Protein backbone atom coordinates (compact mmCIF):
# COMPACT_ATOMS: atom_id res chain seq x y z
CA MET A 1 -26.49 -7.07 22.63
CA THR A 2 -29.73 -5.54 24.18
CA GLU A 3 -32.51 -8.15 23.81
CA THR A 4 -36.17 -7.44 23.80
CA LEU A 5 -37.49 -10.93 24.23
CA THR A 6 -41.11 -11.37 23.03
CA THR A 7 -42.90 -14.60 22.95
CA ALA A 8 -46.68 -13.52 23.16
CA ARG A 9 -49.03 -14.26 20.20
CA MET A 10 -49.86 -11.25 18.01
CA GLY A 11 -53.51 -11.79 18.75
CA ASP A 12 -52.73 -10.96 22.43
CA TYR A 13 -51.94 -7.41 21.40
CA LYS A 14 -54.37 -4.73 20.75
CA SER A 15 -52.05 -3.25 18.13
CA ARG A 16 -49.54 -4.34 15.52
CA LYS A 17 -46.47 -2.53 14.47
CA ILE A 18 -46.73 -0.50 11.29
CA LEU A 19 -43.59 1.13 9.68
CA VAL A 20 -44.39 4.17 7.50
CA VAL A 21 -41.52 5.14 5.07
CA ASP A 22 -42.09 8.44 3.17
CA ASP A 23 -40.02 11.68 2.72
CA ASP A 24 -43.18 13.95 2.96
CA PRO A 25 -43.26 14.88 6.76
CA GLY A 26 -46.82 16.06 6.67
CA LEU A 27 -48.11 12.78 4.99
CA VAL A 28 -46.14 10.81 7.56
CA THR A 29 -47.52 12.72 10.60
CA MET A 30 -51.00 12.38 9.21
CA LEU A 31 -50.79 8.63 8.66
CA GLU A 32 -49.05 8.19 11.98
CA THR A 33 -51.91 9.98 13.73
CA LYS A 34 -54.71 8.03 11.90
CA LEU A 35 -53.07 4.63 12.41
CA ILE A 36 -52.50 5.28 16.04
CA LEU A 37 -56.17 6.28 16.40
CA GLU A 38 -56.94 2.89 14.80
CA GLY A 39 -54.96 1.09 17.50
CA PHE A 40 -51.67 0.42 15.74
CA GLU A 41 -48.14 1.07 17.09
CA VAL A 42 -46.36 3.20 14.46
CA LEU A 43 -42.64 3.64 13.47
CA THR A 44 -41.63 6.20 10.93
CA ALA A 45 -38.76 6.85 8.57
CA ARG A 46 -38.00 9.45 5.88
CA SER A 47 -35.89 7.23 3.48
CA GLY A 48 -35.21 3.77 2.91
CA LEU A 49 -31.81 3.96 4.59
CA GLN A 50 -33.48 5.51 7.76
CA ALA A 51 -36.09 2.84 7.67
CA LEU A 52 -33.33 0.21 7.98
CA ASN A 53 -31.91 1.95 10.87
CA VAL A 54 -35.32 1.98 12.48
CA ILE A 55 -35.66 -1.83 12.00
CA GLU A 56 -32.28 -2.44 13.53
CA GLN A 57 -33.31 -0.45 16.68
CA HIS A 58 -36.92 -1.66 17.05
CA GLY A 59 -37.11 -4.95 15.15
CA LEU A 60 -39.24 -5.97 12.32
CA PRO A 61 -42.65 -4.43 11.80
CA HIS A 62 -45.86 -6.51 11.05
CA LEU A 63 -46.32 -4.40 8.00
CA ALA A 64 -44.64 -1.62 6.14
CA ILE A 65 -46.17 1.40 4.10
CA VAL A 66 -43.55 2.52 1.70
CA ASP A 67 -43.10 5.33 -0.87
CA ILE A 68 -41.01 4.79 -3.96
CA VAL A 69 -39.24 8.04 -4.71
CA MET A 70 -37.18 9.01 -1.64
CA PRO A 71 -33.64 10.32 -1.08
CA GLU A 72 -30.69 8.17 -0.01
CA MET A 73 -32.41 4.87 -0.63
CA ASP A 74 -35.68 4.61 -2.70
CA GLY A 75 -38.57 2.39 -1.86
CA LEU A 76 -37.87 -0.42 -4.13
CA ALA A 77 -34.19 -0.66 -2.96
CA PHE A 78 -35.50 -0.74 0.56
CA CYS A 79 -38.02 -3.56 -0.23
CA GLN A 80 -35.11 -5.44 -1.79
CA ALA A 81 -32.90 -5.00 1.16
CA VAL A 82 -35.35 -6.15 3.84
CA GLN A 83 -36.82 -8.95 1.79
CA ALA A 84 -33.38 -10.46 1.44
CA PHE A 85 -33.67 -11.55 5.18
CA SER A 86 -37.35 -11.23 5.99
CA ASP A 87 -40.96 -11.51 4.64
CA PHE A 88 -43.15 -8.92 6.24
CA PRO A 89 -45.82 -7.52 4.02
CA ILE A 90 -45.44 -4.18 2.26
CA ILE A 91 -48.04 -1.84 0.69
CA MET A 92 -46.45 0.66 -1.68
CA LEU A 93 -47.92 4.12 -1.39
CA THR A 94 -46.55 6.39 -4.19
CA SER A 95 -47.34 8.88 -6.95
CA VAL A 96 -45.57 6.62 -9.52
CA ASP A 97 -48.36 5.53 -11.75
CA ASP A 98 -46.79 3.73 -14.59
CA GLU A 99 -47.83 0.19 -15.32
CA GLU A 100 -44.15 -1.26 -15.55
CA THR A 101 -43.36 -0.05 -11.97
CA THR A 102 -46.66 -1.16 -10.57
CA VAL A 103 -46.37 -4.69 -12.04
CA HIS A 104 -42.73 -4.97 -10.96
CA ALA A 105 -43.44 -3.95 -7.40
CA LEU A 106 -46.48 -6.12 -7.12
CA ASN A 107 -44.55 -9.24 -8.61
CA LEU A 108 -41.59 -8.88 -6.43
CA TYR A 109 -42.28 -6.92 -3.22
CA ALA A 110 -45.67 -5.44 -2.57
CA GLU A 111 -48.91 -7.00 -1.20
CA ASP A 112 -50.73 -3.88 -2.46
CA TYR A 113 -50.07 -0.75 -4.48
CA VAL A 114 -51.82 2.54 -3.67
CA ILE A 115 -51.66 5.72 -5.94
CA LYS A 116 -51.29 9.13 -4.31
CA PRO A 117 -53.48 11.10 -3.65
CA PHE A 118 -55.24 8.50 -1.55
CA ARG A 119 -58.05 8.12 1.02
CA PRO A 120 -56.58 7.47 4.46
CA ARG A 121 -59.60 5.21 5.53
CA GLU A 122 -59.25 3.11 2.41
CA LEU A 123 -55.56 2.70 3.02
CA ILE A 124 -56.17 1.63 6.53
CA ALA A 125 -58.82 -0.89 5.56
CA ARG A 126 -56.11 -2.32 3.01
CA VAL A 127 -53.66 -2.55 5.89
CA ARG A 128 -56.27 -4.63 7.98
CA ARG A 129 -57.08 -6.69 4.95
CA VAL A 130 -53.41 -7.74 4.40
CA LEU A 131 -52.99 -8.36 8.17
CA ARG A 132 -56.11 -10.47 8.41
CA ARG A 133 -55.01 -12.62 5.42
CA LEU A 134 -51.77 -13.32 6.97
CA GLY A 135 -53.38 -14.21 10.26
CA ASP A 136 -51.84 -14.23 13.78
CA SER A 137 -48.45 -15.67 14.36
CA VAL A 138 -47.31 -17.40 17.48
CA TYR A 139 -44.25 -15.17 17.52
CA THR A 140 -43.71 -11.37 17.21
CA PHE A 141 -40.33 -10.12 15.72
CA ASP A 142 -38.81 -7.42 17.87
CA GLN A 143 -35.05 -7.00 18.47
CA ALA A 144 -34.85 -10.63 19.63
CA THR A 145 -37.51 -13.37 19.61
CA ARG A 146 -37.24 -16.02 22.31
CA VAL A 147 -38.40 -19.49 20.98
CA ASP A 148 -37.61 -21.21 24.24
CA ASP A 149 -35.06 -21.61 27.04
CA ARG A 150 -32.18 -22.55 24.51
CA LEU A 151 -33.10 -20.64 21.23
CA VAL A 152 -33.30 -16.85 20.62
CA VAL A 153 -33.52 -15.43 17.08
CA ASP A 154 -32.27 -11.90 16.11
CA PHE A 155 -33.73 -11.41 12.77
CA THR A 156 -32.50 -7.94 12.26
CA HIS A 157 -28.81 -8.94 12.72
CA GLN A 158 -29.34 -12.14 11.04
CA ARG A 159 -28.17 -14.50 13.89
CA VAL A 160 -29.50 -16.95 16.43
CA ILE A 161 -28.35 -17.39 20.06
CA VAL A 162 -28.30 -21.05 21.07
CA ASN A 163 -27.64 -21.78 24.63
CA GLY A 164 -25.95 -18.41 24.90
CA GLU A 165 -23.76 -18.90 21.89
CA THR A 166 -24.20 -16.51 19.05
CA ILE A 167 -24.35 -18.20 15.43
CA GLU A 168 -24.54 -16.08 12.24
CA MET A 169 -27.04 -16.92 9.65
CA THR A 170 -27.03 -16.18 5.96
CA PRO A 171 -29.84 -13.84 4.61
CA THR A 172 -31.59 -16.75 2.92
CA GLU A 173 -31.46 -18.82 6.19
CA THR A 174 -32.82 -15.88 8.20
CA LYS A 175 -35.65 -15.32 5.75
CA LEU A 176 -36.62 -19.03 5.74
CA LEU A 177 -36.55 -19.12 9.54
CA TYR A 178 -38.73 -15.95 9.63
CA ILE A 179 -41.34 -17.51 7.25
CA LEU A 180 -41.34 -20.76 9.27
CA LEU A 181 -41.81 -19.00 12.56
CA ARG A 182 -44.44 -16.78 11.19
CA GLN A 183 -46.42 -19.83 10.32
CA ALA A 184 -45.30 -21.90 13.40
CA GLY A 185 -47.45 -25.05 13.85
CA GLN A 186 -48.54 -25.09 10.19
CA VAL A 187 -46.93 -26.87 7.29
CA SER A 188 -45.48 -24.53 4.79
CA SER A 189 -45.50 -26.18 1.33
CA MET A 190 -42.27 -26.41 -0.68
CA ASP A 191 -43.86 -24.33 -3.55
CA TYR A 192 -44.81 -21.54 -1.10
CA LEU A 193 -41.36 -21.46 0.60
CA GLN A 194 -39.51 -21.38 -2.81
CA HIS A 195 -41.83 -18.49 -4.06
CA ARG A 196 -41.24 -16.55 -0.95
CA LEU A 197 -37.54 -17.10 -0.63
CA TRP A 198 -36.79 -16.59 -4.36
CA PRO A 199 -39.54 -14.41 -5.93
CA HIS A 200 -37.24 -13.37 -8.84
CA GLY A 201 -37.19 -16.71 -10.47
CA ALA A 202 -37.46 -20.40 -10.31
CA VAL A 203 -35.24 -22.33 -7.86
CA VAL A 204 -34.87 -26.10 -7.61
CA GLU A 205 -36.06 -27.84 -4.51
CA GLU A 206 -32.55 -28.80 -3.70
CA ALA A 207 -31.69 -25.30 -2.76
CA LEU A 208 -34.54 -25.35 -0.21
CA ARG A 209 -33.39 -28.54 1.41
CA VAL A 210 -29.79 -27.39 1.57
CA ASN A 211 -30.97 -24.27 3.50
CA ILE A 212 -33.29 -26.36 5.80
CA HIS A 213 -30.31 -28.59 6.48
CA ARG A 214 -28.07 -25.69 7.25
CA LEU A 215 -30.59 -24.22 9.61
CA ARG A 216 -30.93 -27.58 11.43
CA GLN A 217 -27.13 -27.64 11.81
CA LYS A 218 -27.35 -24.19 13.53
CA ILE A 219 -30.39 -24.45 15.84
CA GLU A 220 -31.02 -28.12 16.48
CA PRO A 221 -29.65 -29.98 19.47
CA ASP A 222 -29.31 -33.05 17.20
CA PRO A 223 -29.91 -32.18 13.53
CA ARG A 224 -30.68 -35.90 12.70
CA ASN A 225 -33.53 -35.81 15.04
CA PRO A 226 -35.02 -32.24 14.83
CA ILE A 227 -37.18 -30.75 17.44
CA TYR A 228 -37.69 -27.52 15.62
CA LEU A 229 -37.77 -27.94 11.90
CA HIS A 230 -40.00 -30.83 10.96
CA THR A 231 -40.22 -32.45 7.62
CA HIS A 232 -43.58 -33.41 6.17
CA ARG A 233 -42.81 -35.62 3.18
CA GLY A 234 -44.51 -34.59 0.10
CA GLU A 235 -45.89 -31.56 1.75
CA GLY A 236 -43.20 -29.20 3.20
CA TYR A 237 -41.86 -28.04 6.51
CA ARG A 238 -43.17 -27.06 9.94
CA PHE A 239 -41.65 -25.16 12.83
CA SER A 240 -42.58 -25.91 16.43
CA ALA A 241 -40.93 -25.53 19.77
CA PRO A 242 -41.17 -28.46 22.24
CA SER A 243 -42.10 -26.05 25.11
CA ARG A 244 -45.08 -24.53 23.34
CA GLN A 245 -48.47 -25.79 22.24
CA LEU A 246 -48.50 -24.94 18.54
């Protein structure tokens, strides 16, 4: 595979990658122009299916702005597809203004929900607010993310490369690793991880432990003495790489 290996902190970049998904070409061009002027890197797509192809080519964005009513694959289906293996924030931008859809989207997928017509400056302010709340990550998530000399993560294709060997991950394992890397150096509580992994309903803690165990089997030199996935008893889990100061 072609690898773009990215190891810098997001805070070292002047811009962050925003994916705009909407079937209105005029709106997409307008948003792209305004976001670029604000210092963001912008990727665009005209449907959910096209957006999945963009992610496969360019890696995961820092945030996506997504319409709901689109051809081929609508916005909610796109959100469901990408959130099966990742957890980047999504702002819904749509003309769908009924309460049931709004509540459903906010409960399961969206960090924010903006109704068309909208004020572009306000939308950009909402984008910045979401990104500020999430904070900087130690890692960015392009086509492949190098953790250290032995471990590379390819989130888009749901696999890791360990000492040159490709190992497939399940969508849940991929999403769990994404969340832990995004908060590398910090302890992620069990409640937080369960809520982000399974937003559709309650899941017992044992399911989280099983996925941690499986990830360790795939990425650790010695799963019994982990160097990446650390347990903080009574608190949660923390990701760190031995070669980094996290």
